[in-house]
Protein backbone atom coordinates (compact mmCIF):
# COMPACT_ATOMS: atom_id res chain seq x y z
CA MET A 1 185.99 96.28 24.57
CA LYS A 2 188.80 94.09 23.27
CA TYR A 3 188.69 95.85 19.95
CA CYS A 4 188.63 99.29 21.82
CA ILE A 5 191.65 98.48 23.64
CA ILE A 6 193.47 97.39 20.55
CA LEU A 7 192.49 100.48 18.64
CA LEU A 8 193.80 102.64 21.66
CA SER A 9 197.17 100.72 21.58
CA LEU A 10 197.52 101.43 17.92
CA LEU A 11 196.77 105.02 18.47
CA THR A 12 199.34 105.25 21.27
CA LEU A 13 201.97 103.47 18.97
CA ILE A 14 201.16 105.95 16.17
CA VAL A 15 201.42 109.14 18.46
CA SER A 16 204.69 107.84 19.92
CA GLY A 17 206.06 107.15 16.61
CA CYS A 18 205.14 110.53 15.28
CA ASP A 19 206.86 112.20 18.36
CA LYS A 20 210.79 111.57 17.59
CA THR A 21 211.93 114.72 19.12
CA ARG A 22 215.30 113.93 21.14
CA TYR A 23 216.28 116.31 23.93
CA VAL A 24 219.95 116.99 24.36
CA ASN A 25 220.79 118.57 27.53
CA VAL A 26 224.22 120.43 28.36
CA ASP A 27 226.48 117.84 30.35
CA PRO A 28 226.17 118.84 33.74
CA ASP A 29 230.04 119.17 34.48
CA VAL A 30 230.22 121.55 31.53
CA LYS A 31 227.36 123.63 32.77
CA ASN A 32 228.56 123.89 36.52
CA ALA A 33 232.32 124.98 35.29
CA PHE A 34 231.47 127.50 32.66
CA PHE A 35 228.01 128.78 32.97
CA TYR A 36 228.89 132.28 34.16
CA LYS A 37 226.18 134.60 35.04
CA VAL A 38 225.81 138.57 34.77
CA GLY A 39 228.04 139.76 37.66
CA SER A 40 231.05 137.84 36.45
CA TYR A 41 234.18 139.80 35.35
CA TRP A 42 237.79 139.26 34.74
CA VAL A 43 240.53 141.87 34.74
CA TYR A 44 243.76 141.54 32.85
CA THR A 45 246.89 143.12 32.47
CA ASP A 46 248.67 143.18 29.18
CA SER A 47 252.45 142.14 29.93
CA LEU A 48 253.45 143.80 26.54
CA SER A 49 251.96 146.94 26.70
CA SER A 50 250.83 147.64 30.34
CA ASP A 51 247.14 148.19 29.07
CA ILE A 52 244.33 147.02 31.44
CA ASP A 53 241.63 145.03 29.86
CA SER A 54 238.24 144.35 31.82
CA PHE A 55 235.97 141.54 30.64
CA PHE A 56 232.18 141.74 31.85
CA VAL A 57 229.44 139.25 31.25
CA THR A 58 226.73 141.29 30.00
CA ASN A 59 224.13 138.64 29.23
CA SER A 60 223.70 135.02 30.26
CA SER A 61 220.94 132.81 28.76
CA ASP A 62 219.73 129.26 28.74
CA ALA A 63 217.35 127.80 26.30
CA HIS A 64 216.50 124.86 24.03
CA ASP A 65 216.54 125.26 20.34
CA MET A 66 215.24 122.83 17.76
CA THR A 67 217.97 121.65 15.42
CA THR A 68 217.48 120.60 11.68
CA ASP A 69 217.63 116.92 12.69
CA ASN A 70 214.60 117.41 15.02
CA GLN A 71 216.73 117.57 18.20
CA ASN A 72 215.64 119.78 21.11
CA GLU A 73 219.03 121.09 22.09
CA GLU A 74 220.05 123.09 25.27
CA HIS A 75 222.15 126.04 24.24
CA ILE A 76 223.84 128.64 26.74
CA ASN A 77 224.98 131.80 25.53
CA ILE A 78 227.07 134.27 27.34
CA ASP A 79 227.82 137.60 26.14
CA ILE A 80 231.02 139.32 27.22
CA SER A 81 232.14 142.82 26.67
CA GLU A 82 235.88 143.74 26.71
CA TYR A 83 236.94 147.21 27.74
CA THR A 84 240.42 148.22 26.97
CA LYS A 85 242.28 151.04 28.65
CA HIS A 86 245.22 152.18 26.88
CA ALA A 87 248.20 153.87 28.38
CA THR A 88 247.15 157.10 26.38
CA GLY A 89 243.68 156.90 28.25
CA LEU A 90 241.91 155.71 25.46
CA VAL A 91 239.09 153.00 25.68
CA ASP A 92 237.90 150.66 23.01
CA THR A 93 235.45 147.85 23.26
CA ASN A 94 235.17 144.43 21.90
CA THR A 95 232.62 141.53 22.26
CA TRP A 96 233.20 137.97 22.93
CA THR A 97 230.62 135.17 23.03
CA LEU A 98 230.79 131.83 24.86
CA LEU A 99 228.51 129.21 23.43
CA ILE A 100 228.01 126.18 25.63
CA ALA A 101 226.22 122.87 24.24
CA ARG A 102 226.32 119.15 24.94
CA ASN A 103 229.84 118.65 26.27
CA TYR A 104 231.87 121.44 24.59
CA LEU A 105 232.27 125.26 24.82
CA ALA A 106 233.28 127.50 22.02
CA PHE A 107 234.49 131.12 21.88
CA THR A 108 233.70 133.73 19.17
CA TRP A 109 235.54 137.31 19.03
CA LEU A 110 233.96 140.26 17.60
CA LYS A 111 236.68 142.73 16.81
CA ILE A 112 234.79 146.14 16.52
CA LEU A 113 237.86 147.95 15.35
CA SER A 114 238.86 145.80 12.39
CA ALA A 115 237.78 144.72 8.94
CA THR A 116 237.72 140.94 10.04
CA ALA A 117 234.47 140.78 12.07
CA TYR A 118 234.40 137.36 13.82
CA ILE A 119 236.82 134.77 14.68
CA ASP A 120 235.13 131.40 15.53
CA TYR A 121 237.52 129.40 17.67
CA SER A 122 237.06 125.46 17.47
CA TYR A 123 234.90 123.64 19.94
CA ILE A 124 236.61 122.64 23.12
CA TYR A 125 235.32 119.23 24.67
CA TYR A 126 235.14 119.07 28.37
CA PRO A 127 236.67 117.27 30.19
CA PHE A 128 239.99 118.42 28.39
CA GLU A 129 242.02 115.94 26.66
CA VAL A 130 245.35 116.56 24.63
CA GLY A 131 244.89 116.43 20.80
CA PRO A 132 243.73 118.36 17.91
CA LEU A 133 240.08 120.02 17.94
CA ASN A 134 237.47 119.27 15.42
CA GLN A 135 237.74 122.19 12.75
CA TYR A 136 234.60 123.39 11.19
CA THR A 137 236.21 126.81 9.88
CA THR A 138 239.57 127.92 8.55
CA THR A 139 240.73 128.13 12.35
CA ALA A 140 242.53 124.88 13.61
CA GLY A 141 243.01 124.32 17.36
CA THR A 142 244.82 121.98 19.52
CA ILE A 143 244.85 121.16 23.13
CA ASN A 144 248.52 120.99 23.75
CA SER A 145 248.63 120.15 27.52
CA VAL A 146 246.01 119.53 30.36
CA GLY A 147 246.39 119.53 34.27
CA THR A 148 249.33 122.00 34.22
CA SER A 149 249.90 124.99 36.70
CA CYS A 150 250.15 128.48 35.39
CA THR A 151 251.63 131.40 37.50
CA VAL A 152 250.54 134.78 36.09
CA ASN A 153 250.57 138.27 38.11
CA LYS A 154 251.74 136.28 41.34
CA ASN A 155 248.61 133.94 41.19
CA THR A 156 248.89 130.45 40.72
CA PHE A 157 246.16 128.57 38.77
CA SER A 158 245.91 124.92 38.65
CA SER A 159 244.38 122.31 36.21
CA VAL A 160 245.06 124.66 33.45
CA ALA A 161 244.49 123.50 29.85
CA MET A 162 246.84 124.91 27.14
CA ILE A 163 245.02 125.42 23.87
CA SER A 164 246.47 127.04 20.70
CA TYR A 165 244.73 128.21 17.57
CA HIS A 166 246.21 129.22 14.26
CA ASP A 167 244.77 130.33 10.91
CA SER A 168 246.54 130.56 7.67
CA THR A 169 243.86 132.57 5.85
CA LEU A 170 243.22 135.12 8.56
CA VAL A 171 246.80 134.74 9.65
CA PHE A 172 247.03 134.64 13.26
CA ASN A 173 248.33 132.44 16.17
CA ASP A 174 246.44 132.69 19.72
CA MET A 175 247.12 130.57 22.90
CA PHE A 176 244.08 130.13 25.64
CA TYR A 177 245.13 129.04 29.07
CA LEU A 178 241.81 127.90 30.44
CA ASN A 179 240.58 126.16 33.57
CA ALA A 180 237.23 125.22 35.17
CA ALA A 181 237.73 127.30 38.25
CA ASN A 182 238.62 130.63 36.83
CA GLY A 183 238.00 130.57 33.09
CA LEU A 184 240.63 132.20 30.94
CA VAL A 185 243.66 132.92 33.10
CA LYS A 186 245.95 134.01 30.15
CA ILE A 187 245.43 134.68 26.54
CA LYS A 188 248.10 135.23 23.75
CA LEU A 189 246.97 136.97 20.64
CA ALA A 190 249.16 137.34 17.56
CA HIS A 191 247.44 138.86 14.36
CA PRO A 192 250.32 140.51 12.45
CA LYS A 193 247.94 141.41 9.68
CA LEU A 194 245.80 143.50 12.31
CA ASN A 195 248.77 144.76 14.26
CA ILE A 196 247.40 143.05 17.30
CA ASN A 197 249.73 141.51 19.68
CA LYS A 198 248.68 140.95 23.25
CA VAL A 199 249.61 138.74 26.21
CA TRP A 200 246.49 139.18 28.62
CA GLU A 201 247.36 137.87 32.29
CA LEU A 202 244.72 137.47 34.66
CA ALA A 203 244.81 139.95 37.71
CA ARG A 204 241.67 139.99 39.49
CA TRP A 205 238.35 138.21 38.86
CA HIS A 206 234.79 137.78 40.29
CA ILE A 207 232.64 134.81 38.87
CA VAL A 208 229.12 134.17 39.57
CA LYS A 209 227.74 130.78 38.45
């Protein structure tokens, strides 16, 4: 009987040693703040052109994926469609994606009407802290300030982080104004090579979490 117990203990240790999968979930604070569900939308006015830009969450998923280092990591992917109504009446569509993992979020912008397809913005760690963001592409990011107030379209938003991005290869300088309560309350896009110059200011919004 003693030998059977020892054998079972050894087998248990072997099985435990083989299962080295580590589960990594999204930080609850990040998830509560930025996990936008279908039904969420943001309407911006462009202070430079008077265009109206609407952003709608079209898909929101939460899944666990295996990474190359044998970690089972939770990833939240949020697809956001952008519709621009120009003063001429024309409408075009671009796509944004918000990735949430661990304790960070990251935006990707797919520009439908340009030769440069994607812009991957550097990871933003939460809670926000002033300083440079980790750079994994040619795009460099910096959180310039946190906890400030921002007034746009007669609405005052609190606890706003001001995040700047620049890329000497793609040639652009962008600025995001982001908080946990409302999302992106203001976006400045300056892409001279693509003739894109926008200052989006949040006018109306509806957020489902």
